[in-house]
mmCIF file of all heavy atoms, coordinates in Angstrom:
data_MODEL
# 
_entry.id   MODEL 
# 
loop_
_atom_site.group_PDB 
_atom_site.id 
_atom_site.type_symbol 
_atom_site.label_atom_id 
_atom_site.label_alt_id 
_atom_site.label_comp_id 
_atom_site.label_asym_id 
_atom_site.label_entity_id 
_atom_site.label_seq_id 
_atom_site.pdbx_PDB_ins_code 
_atom_site.Cartn_x 
_atom_site.Cartn_y 
_atom_site.Cartn_z 
_atom_site.occupancy 
_atom_site.B_iso_or_equiv 
_atom_site.pdbx_formal_charge 
_atom_site.auth_seq_id 
_atom_site.auth_comp_id 
_atom_site.auth_asym_id 
_atom_site.auth_atom_id 
_atom_site.pdbx_PDB_model_num 
ATOM 1   N N   . GLU A 1 1  ? 119.703 92.787  112.940 1.00 0.00 ? 1  GLU A N   1 
ATOM 2   C CA  . GLU A 1 1  ? 118.403 93.398  112.687 1.00 0.00 ? 1  GLU A CA  1 
ATOM 3   C C   . GLU A 1 1  ? 118.196 94.586  113.613 1.00 0.00 ? 1  GLU A C   1 
ATOM 4   O O   . GLU A 1 1  ? 118.620 94.587  114.762 1.00 0.00 ? 1  GLU A O   1 
ATOM 5   C CB  . GLU A 1 1  ? 117.299 92.376  112.953 1.00 0.00 ? 1  GLU A CB  1 
ATOM 6   C CG  . GLU A 1 1  ? 117.239 91.283  111.916 1.00 0.00 ? 1  GLU A CG  1 
ATOM 7   C CD  . GLU A 1 1  ? 116.041 90.378  112.146 1.00 0.00 ? 1  GLU A CD  1 
ATOM 8   O OE1 . GLU A 1 1  ? 114.973 90.874  112.511 1.00 0.00 ? 1  GLU A OE1 1 
ATOM 9   O OE2 . GLU A 1 1  ? 116.214 89.171  111.961 1.00 0.00 ? 1  GLU A OE2 1 
ATOM 10  N N   . ARG A 1 2  ? 117.511 95.586  113.092 1.00 0.00 ? 2  ARG A N   1 
ATOM 11  C CA  . ARG A 1 2  ? 117.072 96.699  113.928 1.00 0.00 ? 2  ARG A CA  1 
ATOM 12  C C   . ARG A 1 2  ? 115.801 96.242  114.631 1.00 0.00 ? 2  ARG A C   1 
ATOM 13  O O   . ARG A 1 2  ? 115.005 95.482  114.054 1.00 0.00 ? 2  ARG A O   1 
ATOM 14  C CB  . ARG A 1 2  ? 116.807 97.930  113.094 1.00 0.00 ? 2  ARG A CB  1 
ATOM 15  C CG  . ARG A 1 2  ? 118.076 98.493  112.492 1.00 0.00 ? 2  ARG A CG  1 
ATOM 16  C CD  . ARG A 1 2  ? 117.740 99.682  111.673 1.00 0.00 ? 2  ARG A CD  1 
ATOM 17  N NE  . ARG A 1 2  ? 117.027 99.183  110.471 1.00 0.00 ? 2  ARG A NE  1 
ATOM 18  C CZ  . ARG A 1 2  ? 116.642 99.900  109.471 1.00 0.00 ? 2  ARG A CZ  1 
ATOM 19  N NH1 . ARG A 1 2  ? 116.841 101.195 109.480 1.00 0.00 ? 2  ARG A NH1 1 
ATOM 20  N NH2 . ARG A 1 2  ? 116.023 99.379  108.441 1.00 0.00 ? 2  ARG A NH2 1 
ATOM 21  N N   . PRO A 1 3  ? 115.568 96.698  115.827 1.00 0.00 ? 3  PRO A N   1 
ATOM 22  C CA  . PRO A 1 3  ? 114.366 96.258  116.561 1.00 0.00 ? 3  PRO A CA  1 
ATOM 23  C C   . PRO A 1 3  ? 113.062 96.499  115.808 1.00 0.00 ? 3  PRO A C   1 
ATOM 24  O O   . PRO A 1 3  ? 112.125 95.728  115.940 1.00 0.00 ? 3  PRO A O   1 
ATOM 25  C CB  . PRO A 1 3  ? 114.413 97.087  117.848 1.00 0.00 ? 3  PRO A CB  1 
ATOM 26  C CG  . PRO A 1 3  ? 115.823 97.512  117.984 1.00 0.00 ? 3  PRO A CG  1 
ATOM 27  C CD  . PRO A 1 3  ? 116.408 97.581  116.595 1.00 0.00 ? 3  PRO A CD  1 
ATOM 28  N N   . SER A 1 4  ? 112.995 97.548  114.971 1.00 0.00 ? 4  SER A N   1 
ATOM 29  C CA  . SER A 1 4  ? 111.740 97.855  114.282 1.00 0.00 ? 4  SER A CA  1 
ATOM 30  C C   . SER A 1 4  ? 111.552 97.074  112.984 1.00 0.00 ? 4  SER A C   1 
ATOM 31  O O   . SER A 1 4  ? 110.494 97.137  112.383 1.00 0.00 ? 4  SER A O   1 
ATOM 32  C CB  . SER A 1 4  ? 111.676 99.355  113.985 1.00 0.00 ? 4  SER A CB  1 
ATOM 33  O OG  . SER A 1 4  ? 112.734 99.704  113.113 1.00 0.00 ? 4  SER A OG  1 
ATOM 34  N N   . SER A 1 5  ? 112.576 96.349  112.546 1.00 0.00 ? 5  SER A N   1 
ATOM 35  C CA  . SER A 1 5  ? 112.439 95.634  111.284 1.00 0.00 ? 5  SER A CA  1 
ATOM 36  C C   . SER A 1 5  ? 111.733 94.302  111.501 1.00 0.00 ? 5  SER A C   1 
ATOM 37  O O   . SER A 1 5  ? 111.870 93.684  112.543 1.00 0.00 ? 5  SER A O   1 
ATOM 38  C CB  . SER A 1 5  ? 113.813 95.409  110.633 1.00 0.00 ? 5  SER A CB  1 
ATOM 39  O OG  . SER A 1 5  ? 114.597 94.542  111.415 1.00 0.00 ? 5  SER A OG  1 
ATOM 40  N N   . PRO A 1 6  ? 110.952 93.878  110.486 1.00 0.00 ? 6  PRO A N   1 
ATOM 41  C CA  . PRO A 1 6  ? 110.272 92.585  110.634 1.00 0.00 ? 6  PRO A CA  1 
ATOM 42  C C   . PRO A 1 6  ? 111.297 91.444  110.617 1.00 0.00 ? 6  PRO A C   1 
ATOM 43  O O   . PRO A 1 6  ? 112.386 91.591  110.072 1.00 0.00 ? 6  PRO A O   1 
ATOM 44  C CB  . PRO A 1 6  ? 109.373 92.516  109.408 1.00 0.00 ? 6  PRO A CB  1 
ATOM 45  C CG  . PRO A 1 6  ? 109.955 93.475  108.430 1.00 0.00 ? 6  PRO A CG  1 
ATOM 46  C CD  . PRO A 1 6  ? 110.689 94.525  109.235 1.00 0.00 ? 6  PRO A CD  1 
ATOM 47  N N   . PRO A 1 7  ? 110.950 90.325  111.205 1.00 0.00 ? 7  PRO A N   1 
ATOM 48  C CA  . PRO A 1 7  ? 111.884 89.187  111.205 1.00 0.00 ? 7  PRO A CA  1 
ATOM 49  C C   . PRO A 1 7  ? 112.135 88.693  109.781 1.00 0.00 ? 7  PRO A C   1 
ATOM 50  O O   . PRO A 1 7  ? 111.238 88.730  108.939 1.00 0.00 ? 7  PRO A O   1 
ATOM 51  C CB  . PRO A 1 7  ? 111.180 88.130  112.056 1.00 0.00 ? 7  PRO A CB  1 
ATOM 52  C CG  . PRO A 1 7  ? 109.740 88.545  112.099 1.00 0.00 ? 7  PRO A CG  1 
ATOM 53  C CD  . PRO A 1 7  ? 109.691 90.026  111.875 1.00 0.00 ? 7  PRO A CD  1 
ATOM 54  N N   . VAL A 1 8  ? 113.332 88.238  109.533 1.00 0.00 ? 8  VAL A N   1 
ATOM 55  C CA  . VAL A 1 8  ? 113.714 87.712  108.226 1.00 0.00 ? 8  VAL A CA  1 
ATOM 56  C C   . VAL A 1 8  ? 114.041 86.246  108.390 1.00 0.00 ? 8  VAL A C   1 
ATOM 57  O O   . VAL A 1 8  ? 114.704 85.838  109.341 1.00 0.00 ? 8  VAL A O   1 
ATOM 58  C CB  . VAL A 1 8  ? 114.953 88.472  107.678 1.00 0.00 ? 8  VAL A CB  1 
ATOM 59  C CG1 . VAL A 1 8  ? 115.399 87.866  106.351 1.00 0.00 ? 8  VAL A CG1 1 
ATOM 60  C CG2 . VAL A 1 8  ? 114.639 89.950  107.527 1.00 0.00 ? 8  VAL A CG2 1 
ATOM 61  N N   . ARG A 1 9  ? 113.556 85.436  107.458 1.00 0.00 ? 9  ARG A N   1 
ATOM 62  C CA  . ARG A 1 9  ? 113.826 84.004  107.476 1.00 0.00 ? 9  ARG A CA  1 
ATOM 63  C C   . ARG A 1 9  ? 114.028 83.530  106.042 1.00 0.00 ? 9  ARG A C   1 
ATOM 64  O O   . ARG A 1 9  ? 113.581 84.180  105.101 1.00 0.00 ? 9  ARG A O   1 
ATOM 65  C CB  . ARG A 1 9  ? 112.690 83.243  108.134 1.00 0.00 ? 9  ARG A CB  1 
ATOM 66  C CG  . ARG A 1 9  ? 111.375 83.363  107.377 1.00 0.00 ? 9  ARG A CG  1 
ATOM 67  C CD  . ARG A 1 9  ? 110.284 82.493  107.976 1.00 0.00 ? 9  ARG A CD  1 
ATOM 68  N NE  . ARG A 1 9  ? 109.003 82.729  107.363 1.00 0.00 ? 9  ARG A NE  1 
ATOM 69  C CZ  . ARG A 1 9  ? 108.650 82.334  106.140 1.00 0.00 ? 9  ARG A CZ  1 
ATOM 70  N NH1 . ARG A 1 9  ? 109.495 81.663  105.401 1.00 0.00 ? 9  ARG A NH1 1 
ATOM 71  N NH2 . ARG A 1 9  ? 107.445 82.600  105.651 1.00 0.00 ? 9  ARG A NH2 1 
ATOM 72  N N   . PRO A 1 10 ? 114.708 82.412  105.867 1.00 0.00 ? 10 PRO A N   1 
ATOM 73  C CA  . PRO A 1 10 ? 114.870 81.866  104.508 1.00 0.00 ? 10 PRO A CA  1 
ATOM 74  C C   . PRO A 1 10 ? 113.510 81.499  103.919 1.00 0.00 ? 10 PRO A C   1 
ATOM 75  O O   . PRO A 1 10 ? 112.614 81.045  104.632 1.00 0.00 ? 10 PRO A O   1 
ATOM 76  C CB  . PRO A 1 10 ? 115.721 80.614  104.716 1.00 0.00 ? 10 PRO A CB  1 
ATOM 77  C CG  . PRO A 1 10 ? 116.341 80.766  106.062 1.00 0.00 ? 10 PRO A CG  1 
ATOM 78  C CD  . PRO A 1 10 ? 115.385 81.610  106.867 1.00 0.00 ? 10 PRO A CD  1 
ATOM 79  N N   . ALA A 1 11 ? 113.355 81.719  102.635 1.00 0.00 ? 11 ALA A N   1 
ATOM 80  C CA  . ALA A 1 11 ? 112.119 81.335  101.956 1.00 0.00 ? 11 ALA A CA  1 
ATOM 81  C C   . ALA A 1 11 ? 112.057 79.820  101.832 1.00 0.00 ? 11 ALA A C   1 
ATOM 82  O O   . ALA A 1 11 ? 113.067 79.160  101.586 1.00 0.00 ? 11 ALA A O   1 
ATOM 83  C CB  . ALA A 1 11 ? 112.057 81.961  100.563 1.00 0.00 ? 11 ALA A CB  1 
ATOM 84  N N   . GLY A 1 12 ? 110.883 79.289  102.000 1.00 0.00 ? 12 GLY A N   1 
ATOM 85  C CA  . GLY A 1 12 ? 110.657 77.853  101.831 1.00 0.00 ? 12 GLY A CA  1 
ATOM 86  C C   . GLY A 1 12 ? 109.659 77.609  100.727 1.00 0.00 ? 12 GLY A C   1 
ATOM 87  O O   . GLY A 1 12 ? 109.087 78.548  100.153 1.00 0.00 ? 12 GLY A O   1 
ATOM 88  N N   . GLU A 1 13 ? 109.438 76.347  100.417 1.00 0.00 ? 13 GLU A N   1 
ATOM 89  C CA  . GLU A 1 13 ? 108.511 76.006  99.329  1.00 0.00 ? 13 GLU A CA  1 
ATOM 90  C C   . GLU A 1 13 ? 107.119 76.583  99.556  1.00 0.00 ? 13 GLU A C   1 
ATOM 91  O O   . GLU A 1 13 ? 106.428 76.922  98.597  1.00 0.00 ? 13 GLU A O   1 
ATOM 92  C CB  . GLU A 1 13 ? 108.456 74.498  99.129  1.00 0.00 ? 13 GLU A CB  1 
ATOM 93  C CG  . GLU A 1 13 ? 109.705 73.965  98.463  1.00 0.00 ? 13 GLU A CG  1 
ATOM 94  C CD  . GLU A 1 13 ? 109.551 72.523  98.001  1.00 0.00 ? 13 GLU A CD  1 
ATOM 95  O OE1 . GLU A 1 13 ? 108.476 72.168  97.485  1.00 0.00 ? 13 GLU A OE1 1 
ATOM 96  O OE2 . GLU A 1 13 ? 110.525 71.780  98.143  1.00 0.00 ? 13 GLU A OE2 1 
ATOM 97  N N   . ASP A 1 14 ? 106.698 76.717  100.822 1.00 0.00 ? 14 ASP A N   1 
ATOM 98  C CA  . ASP A 1 14 ? 105.386 77.289  101.115 1.00 0.00 ? 14 ASP A CA  1 
ATOM 99  C C   . ASP A 1 14 ? 105.300 78.762  100.709 1.00 0.00 ? 14 ASP A C   1 
ATOM 100 O O   . ASP A 1 14 ? 104.201 79.294  100.579 1.00 0.00 ? 14 ASP A O   1 
ATOM 101 C CB  . ASP A 1 14 ? 105.048 77.150  102.605 1.00 0.00 ? 14 ASP A CB  1 
ATOM 102 C CG  . ASP A 1 14 ? 104.841 75.696  103.033 1.00 0.00 ? 14 ASP A CG  1 
ATOM 103 O OD1 . ASP A 1 14 ? 104.677 74.834  102.147 1.00 0.00 ? 14 ASP A OD1 1 
ATOM 104 O OD2 . ASP A 1 14 ? 104.846 75.443  104.251 1.00 0.00 ? 14 ASP A OD2 1 
ATOM 105 N N   . ASP A 1 15 ? 106.432 79.417  100.541 1.00 0.00 ? 15 ASP A N   1 
ATOM 106 C CA  . ASP A 1 15 ? 106.466 80.834  100.182 1.00 0.00 ? 15 ASP A CA  1 
ATOM 107 C C   . ASP A 1 15 ? 106.494 81.087  98.689  1.00 0.00 ? 15 ASP A C   1 
ATOM 108 O O   . ASP A 1 15 ? 106.317 82.224  98.240  1.00 0.00 ? 15 ASP A O   1 
ATOM 109 C CB  . ASP A 1 15 ? 107.706 81.498  100.815 1.00 0.00 ? 15 ASP A CB  1 
ATOM 110 C CG  . ASP A 1 15 ? 107.714 81.396  102.317 1.00 0.00 ? 15 ASP A CG  1 
ATOM 111 O OD1 . ASP A 1 15 ? 106.725 81.803  102.947 1.00 0.00 ? 15 ASP A OD1 1 
ATOM 112 O OD2 . ASP A 1 15 ? 108.724 80.900  102.862 1.00 0.00 ? 15 ASP A OD2 1 
ATOM 113 N N   . PHE A 1 16 ? 106.753 80.069  97.880  1.00 0.00 ? 16 PHE A N   1 
ATOM 114 C CA  . PHE A 1 16 ? 107.023 80.285  96.458  1.00 0.00 ? 16 PHE A CA  1 
ATOM 115 C C   . PHE A 1 16 ? 105.861 80.931  95.714  1.00 0.00 ? 16 PHE A C   1 
ATOM 116 O O   . PHE A 1 16 ? 106.061 81.817  94.895  1.00 0.00 ? 16 PHE A O   1 
ATOM 117 C CB  . PHE A 1 16 ? 107.437 78.994  95.771  1.00 0.00 ? 16 PHE A CB  1 
ATOM 118 C CG  . PHE A 1 16 ? 108.791 78.489  96.230  1.00 0.00 ? 16 PHE A CG  1 
ATOM 119 C CD1 . PHE A 1 16 ? 109.139 77.176  96.025  1.00 0.00 ? 16 PHE A CD1 1 
ATOM 120 C CD2 . PHE A 1 16 ? 109.693 79.330  96.870  1.00 0.00 ? 16 PHE A CD2 1 
ATOM 121 C CE1 . PHE A 1 16 ? 110.383 76.700  96.448  1.00 0.00 ? 16 PHE A CE1 1 
ATOM 122 C CE2 . PHE A 1 16 ? 110.922 78.872  97.298  1.00 0.00 ? 16 PHE A CE2 1 
ATOM 123 C CZ  . PHE A 1 16 ? 111.269 77.553  97.088  1.00 0.00 ? 16 PHE A CZ  1 
ATOM 124 N N   . GLU A 1 17 ? 104.639 80.497  95.985  1.00 0.00 ? 17 GLU A N   1 
ATOM 125 C CA  . GLU A 1 17 ? 103.494 81.110  95.290  1.00 0.00 ? 17 GLU A CA  1 
ATOM 126 C C   . GLU A 1 17 ? 103.382 82.591  95.622  1.00 0.00 ? 17 GLU A C   1 
ATOM 127 O O   . GLU A 1 17 ? 103.114 83.404  94.737  1.00 0.00 ? 17 GLU A O   1 
ATOM 128 C CB  . GLU A 1 17 ? 102.199 80.364  95.606  1.00 0.00 ? 17 GLU A CB  1 
ATOM 129 C CG  . GLU A 1 17 ? 102.094 79.007  94.955  1.00 0.00 ? 17 GLU A CG  1 
ATOM 130 C CD  . GLU A 1 17 ? 102.224 79.036  93.440  1.00 0.00 ? 17 GLU A CD  1 
ATOM 131 O OE1 . GLU A 1 17 ? 101.685 79.954  92.785  1.00 0.00 ? 17 GLU A OE1 1 
ATOM 132 O OE2 . GLU A 1 17 ? 102.877 78.131  92.898  1.00 0.00 ? 17 GLU A OE2 1 
ATOM 133 N N   . ALA A 1 18 ? 103.595 82.951  96.891  1.00 0.00 ? 18 ALA A N   1 
ATOM 134 C CA  . ALA A 1 18 ? 103.517 84.366  97.281  1.00 0.00 ? 18 ALA A CA  1 
ATOM 135 C C   . ALA A 1 18 ? 104.648 85.171  96.639  1.00 0.00 ? 18 ALA A C   1 
ATOM 136 O O   . ALA A 1 18 ? 104.434 86.303  96.197  1.00 0.00 ? 18 ALA A O   1 
ATOM 137 C CB  . ALA A 1 18 ? 103.567 84.494  98.803  1.00 0.00 ? 18 ALA A CB  1 
ATOM 138 N N   . VAL A 1 19 ? 105.834 84.586  96.554  1.00 0.00 ? 19 VAL A N   1 
ATOM 139 C CA  . VAL A 1 19 ? 106.972 85.269  95.919  1.00 0.00 ? 19 VAL A CA  1 
ATOM 140 C C   . VAL A 1 19 ? 106.688 85.458  94.431  1.00 0.00 ? 19 VAL A C   1 
ATOM 141 O O   . VAL A 1 19 ? 106.906 86.548  93.875  1.00 0.00 ? 19 VAL A O   1 
ATOM 142 C CB  . VAL A 1 19 ? 108.276 84.480  96.151  1.00 0.00 ? 19 VAL A CB  1 
ATOM 143 C CG1 . VAL A 1 19 ? 109.401 85.020  95.285  1.00 0.00 ? 19 VAL A CG1 1 
ATOM 144 C CG2 . VAL A 1 19 ? 108.668 84.520  97.624  1.00 0.00 ? 19 VAL A CG2 1 
ATOM 145 N N   . LEU A 1 20 ? 106.203 84.414  93.770  1.00 0.00 ? 20 LEU A N   1 
ATOM 146 C CA  . LEU A 1 20 ? 105.871 84.523  92.354  1.00 0.00 ? 20 LEU A CA  1 
ATOM 147 C C   . LEU A 1 20 ? 104.778 85.563  92.111  1.00 0.00 ? 20 LEU A C   1 
ATOM 148 O O   . LEU A 1 20 ? 104.836 86.333  91.164  1.00 0.00 ? 20 LEU A O   1 
ATOM 149 C CB  . LEU A 1 20 ? 105.428 83.174  91.791  1.00 0.00 ? 20 LEU A CB  1 
ATOM 150 C CG  . LEU A 1 20 ? 106.549 82.166  91.561  1.00 0.00 ? 20 LEU A CG  1 
ATOM 151 C CD1 . LEU A 1 20 ? 105.967 80.773  91.297  1.00 0.00 ? 20 LEU A CD1 1 
ATOM 152 C CD2 . LEU A 1 20 ? 107.436 82.607  90.413  1.00 0.00 ? 20 LEU A CD2 1 
ATOM 153 N N   . ASP A 1 21 ? 103.781 85.605  93.009  1.00 0.00 ? 21 ASP A N   1 
ATOM 154 C CA  . ASP A 1 21 ? 102.695 86.579  92.871  1.00 0.00 ? 21 ASP A CA  1 
ATOM 155 C C   . ASP A 1 21 ? 103.232 88.000  93.036  1.00 0.00 ? 21 ASP A C   1 
ATOM 156 O O   . ASP A 1 21 ? 102.893 88.896  92.242  1.00 0.00 ? 21 ASP A O   1 
ATOM 157 C CB  . ASP A 1 21 ? 101.596 86.294  93.895  1.00 0.00 ? 21 ASP A CB  1 
ATOM 158 C CG  . ASP A 1 21 ? 100.394 87.186  93.687  1.00 0.00 ? 21 ASP A CG  1 
ATOM 159 O OD1 . ASP A 1 21 ? 99.892  87.268  92.549  1.00 0.00 ? 21 ASP A OD1 1 
ATOM 160 O OD2 . ASP A 1 21 ? 99.962  87.821  94.689  1.00 0.00 ? 21 ASP A OD2 1 
ATOM 161 N N   . LEU A 1 22 ? 104.077 88.239  94.036  1.00 0.00 ? 22 LEU A N   1 
ATOM 162 C CA  . LEU A 1 22 ? 104.663 89.567  94.228  1.00 0.00 ? 22 LEU A CA  1 
ATOM 163 C C   . LEU A 1 22 ? 105.513 89.966  93.026  1.00 0.00 ? 22 LEU A C   1 
ATOM 164 O O   . LEU A 1 22 ? 105.418 91.080  92.513  1.00 0.00 ? 22 LEU A O   1 
ATOM 165 C CB  . LEU A 1 22 ? 105.498 89.606  95.513  1.00 0.00 ? 22 LEU A CB  1 
ATOM 166 C CG  . LEU A 1 22 ? 106.236 90.919  95.784  1.00 0.00 ? 22 LEU A CG  1 
ATOM 167 C CD1 . LEU A 1 22 ? 105.246 92.078  95.946  1.00 0.00 ? 22 LEU A CD1 1 
ATOM 168 C CD2 . LEU A 1 22 ? 107.108 90.774  97.025  1.00 0.00 ? 22 LEU A CD2 1 
ATOM 169 N N   . ASP A 1 23 ? 106.339 89.035  92.547  1.00 0.00 ? 23 ASP A N   1 
ATOM 170 C CA  . ASP A 1 23 ? 107.175 89.309  91.373  1.00 0.00 ? 23 ASP A CA  1 
ATOM 171 C C   . ASP A 1 23 ? 106.307 89.650  90.160  1.00 0.00 ? 23 ASP A C   1 
ATOM 172 O O   . ASP A 1 23 ? 106.597 90.595  89.424  1.00 0.00 ? 23 ASP A O   1 
ATOM 173 C CB  . ASP A 1 23 ? 108.073 88.101  91.082  1.00 0.00 ? 23 ASP A CB  1 
ATOM 174 C CG  . ASP A 1 23 ? 108.990 88.341  89.902  1.00 0.00 ? 23 ASP A CG  1 
ATOM 175 O OD1 . ASP A 1 23 ? 109.768 89.316  89.926  1.00 0.00 ? 23 ASP A OD1 1 
ATOM 176 O OD2 . ASP A 1 23 ? 108.926 87.556  88.941  1.00 0.00 ? 23 ASP A OD2 1 
ATOM 177 N N   . ARG A 1 24 ? 105.237 88.931  89.974  1.00 0.00 ? 24 ARG A N   1 
ATOM 178 C CA  . ARG A 1 24 ? 104.321 89.168  88.841  1.00 0.00 ? 24 ARG A CA  1 
ATOM 179 C C   . ARG A 1 24 ? 103.676 90.548  88.960  1.00 0.00 ? 24 ARG A C   1 
ATOM 180 O O   . ARG A 1 24 ? 103.560 91.275  87.978  1.00 0.00 ? 24 ARG A O   1 
ATOM 181 C CB  . ARG A 1 24 ? 103.265 88.064  88.804  1.00 0.00 ? 24 ARG A CB  1 
ATOM 182 C CG  . ARG A 1 24 ? 102.430 88.011  87.574  1.00 0.00 ? 24 ARG A CG  1 
ATOM 183 C CD  . ARG A 1 24 ? 101.517 86.768  87.488  1.00 0.00 ? 24 ARG A CD  1 
ATOM 184 N NE  . ARG A 1 24 ? 101.150 86.153  88.742  1.00 0.00 ? 24 ARG A NE  1 
ATOM 185 C CZ  . ARG A 1 24 ? 101.695 85.011  89.238  1.00 0.00 ? 24 ARG A CZ  1 
ATOM 186 N NH1 . ARG A 1 24 ? 102.622 84.373  88.571  1.00 0.00 ? 24 ARG A NH1 1 
ATOM 187 N NH2 . ARG A 1 24 ? 101.301 84.528  90.380  1.00 0.00 ? 24 ARG A NH2 1 
ATOM 188 N N   . GLN A 1 25 ? 103.298 90.944  90.185  1.00 0.00 ? 25 GLN A N   1 
ATOM 189 C CA  . GLN A 1 25 ? 102.698 92.262  90.399  1.00 0.00 ? 25 GLN A CA  1 
ATOM 190 C C   . GLN A 1 25 ? 103.686 93.381  90.095  1.00 0.00 ? 25 GLN A C   1 
ATOM 191 O O   . GLN A 1 25 ? 103.334 94.383  89.475  1.00 0.00 ? 25 GLN A O   1 
ATOM 192 C CB  . GLN A 1 25 ? 102.213 92.402  91.847  1.00 0.00 ? 25 GLN A CB  1 
ATOM 193 C CG  . GLN A 1 25 ? 101.001 91.578  92.176  1.00 0.00 ? 25 GLN A CG  1 
ATOM 194 C CD  . GLN A 1 25 ? 100.674 91.677  93.657  1.00 0.00 ? 25 GLN A CD  1 
ATOM 195 O OE1 . GLN A 1 25 ? 100.793 92.733  94.257  1.00 0.00 ? 25 GLN A OE1 1 
ATOM 196 N NE2 . GLN A 1 25 ? 100.266 90.556  94.243  1.00 0.00 ? 25 GLN A NE2 1 
ATOM 197 N N   . VAL A 1 26 ? 104.932 93.213  90.524  1.00 0.00 ? 26 VAL A N   1 
ATOM 198 C CA  . VAL A 1 26 ? 105.949 94.251  90.354  1.00 0.00 ? 26 VAL A CA  1 
ATOM 199 C C   . VAL A 1 26 ? 106.457 94.304  88.913  1.00 0.00 ? 26 VAL A C   1 
ATOM 200 O O   . VAL A 1 26 ? 106.607 95.379  88.337  1.00 0.00 ? 26 VAL A O   1 
ATOM 201 C CB  . VAL A 1 26 ? 107.123 94.035  91.340  1.00 0.00 ? 26 VAL A CB  1 
ATOM 202 C CG1 . VAL A 1 26 ? 108.281 94.966  91.039  1.00 0.00 ? 26 VAL A CG1 1 
ATOM 203 C CG2 . VAL A 1 26 ? 106.644 94.204  92.774  1.00 0.00 ? 26 VAL A CG2 1 
ATOM 204 N N   . SER A 1 27 ? 106.751 93.130  88.342  1.00 0.00 ? 27 SER A N   1 
ATOM 205 C CA  . SER A 1 27 ? 107.406 93.104  87.024  1.00 0.00 ? 27 SER A CA  1 
ATOM 206 C C   . SER A 1 27 ? 106.436 92.937  85.858  1.00 0.00 ? 27 SER A C   1 
ATOM 207 O O   . SER A 1 27 ? 106.815 93.151  84.704  1.00 0.00 ? 27 SER A O   1 
ATOM 208 C CB  . SER A 1 27 ? 108.439 91.964  86.990  1.00 0.00 ? 27 SER A CB  1 
ATOM 209 O OG  . SER A 1 27 ? 107.789 90.701  86.981  1.00 0.00 ? 27 SER A OG  1 
ATOM 210 N N   . GLY A 1 28 ? 105.223 92.508  86.144  1.00 0.00 ? 28 GLY A N   1 
ATOM 211 C CA  . GLY A 1 28 ? 104.278 92.234  85.070  1.00 0.00 ? 28 GLY A CA  1 
ATOM 212 C C   . GLY A 1 28 ? 104.630 90.969  84.303  1.00 0.00 ? 28 GLY A C   1 
ATOM 213 O O   . GLY A 1 28 ? 104.141 90.750  83.206  1.00 0.00 ? 28 GLY A O   1 
ATOM 214 N N   . THR A 1 29 ? 105.466 90.123  84.897  1.00 0.00 ? 29 THR A N   1 
ATOM 215 C CA  . THR A 1 29 ? 105.970 88.937  84.212  1.00 0.00 ? 29 THR A CA  1 
ATOM 216 C C   . THR A 1 29 ? 105.807 87.708  85.094  1.00 0.00 ? 29 THR A C   1 
ATOM 217 O O   . THR A 1 29 ? 106.125 87.739  86.274  1.00 0.00 ? 29 THR A O   1 
ATOM 218 C CB  . THR A 1 29 ? 107.477 89.101  83.877  1.00 0.00 ? 29 THR A CB  1 
ATOM 219 O OG1 . THR A 1 29 ? 107.643 90.318  83.154  1.00 0.00 ? 29 THR A OG1 1 
ATOM 220 C CG2 . THR A 1 29 ? 108.000 87.941  83.069  1.00 0.00 ? 29 THR A CG2 1 
# 
């Protein structure tokens, strides 16, 4: 990682709704 990049971690079940919401916003699906 570069020092200025945000931390990256594996997605967990608590993240799924946020991932689905972002995907829906970007793809319209």
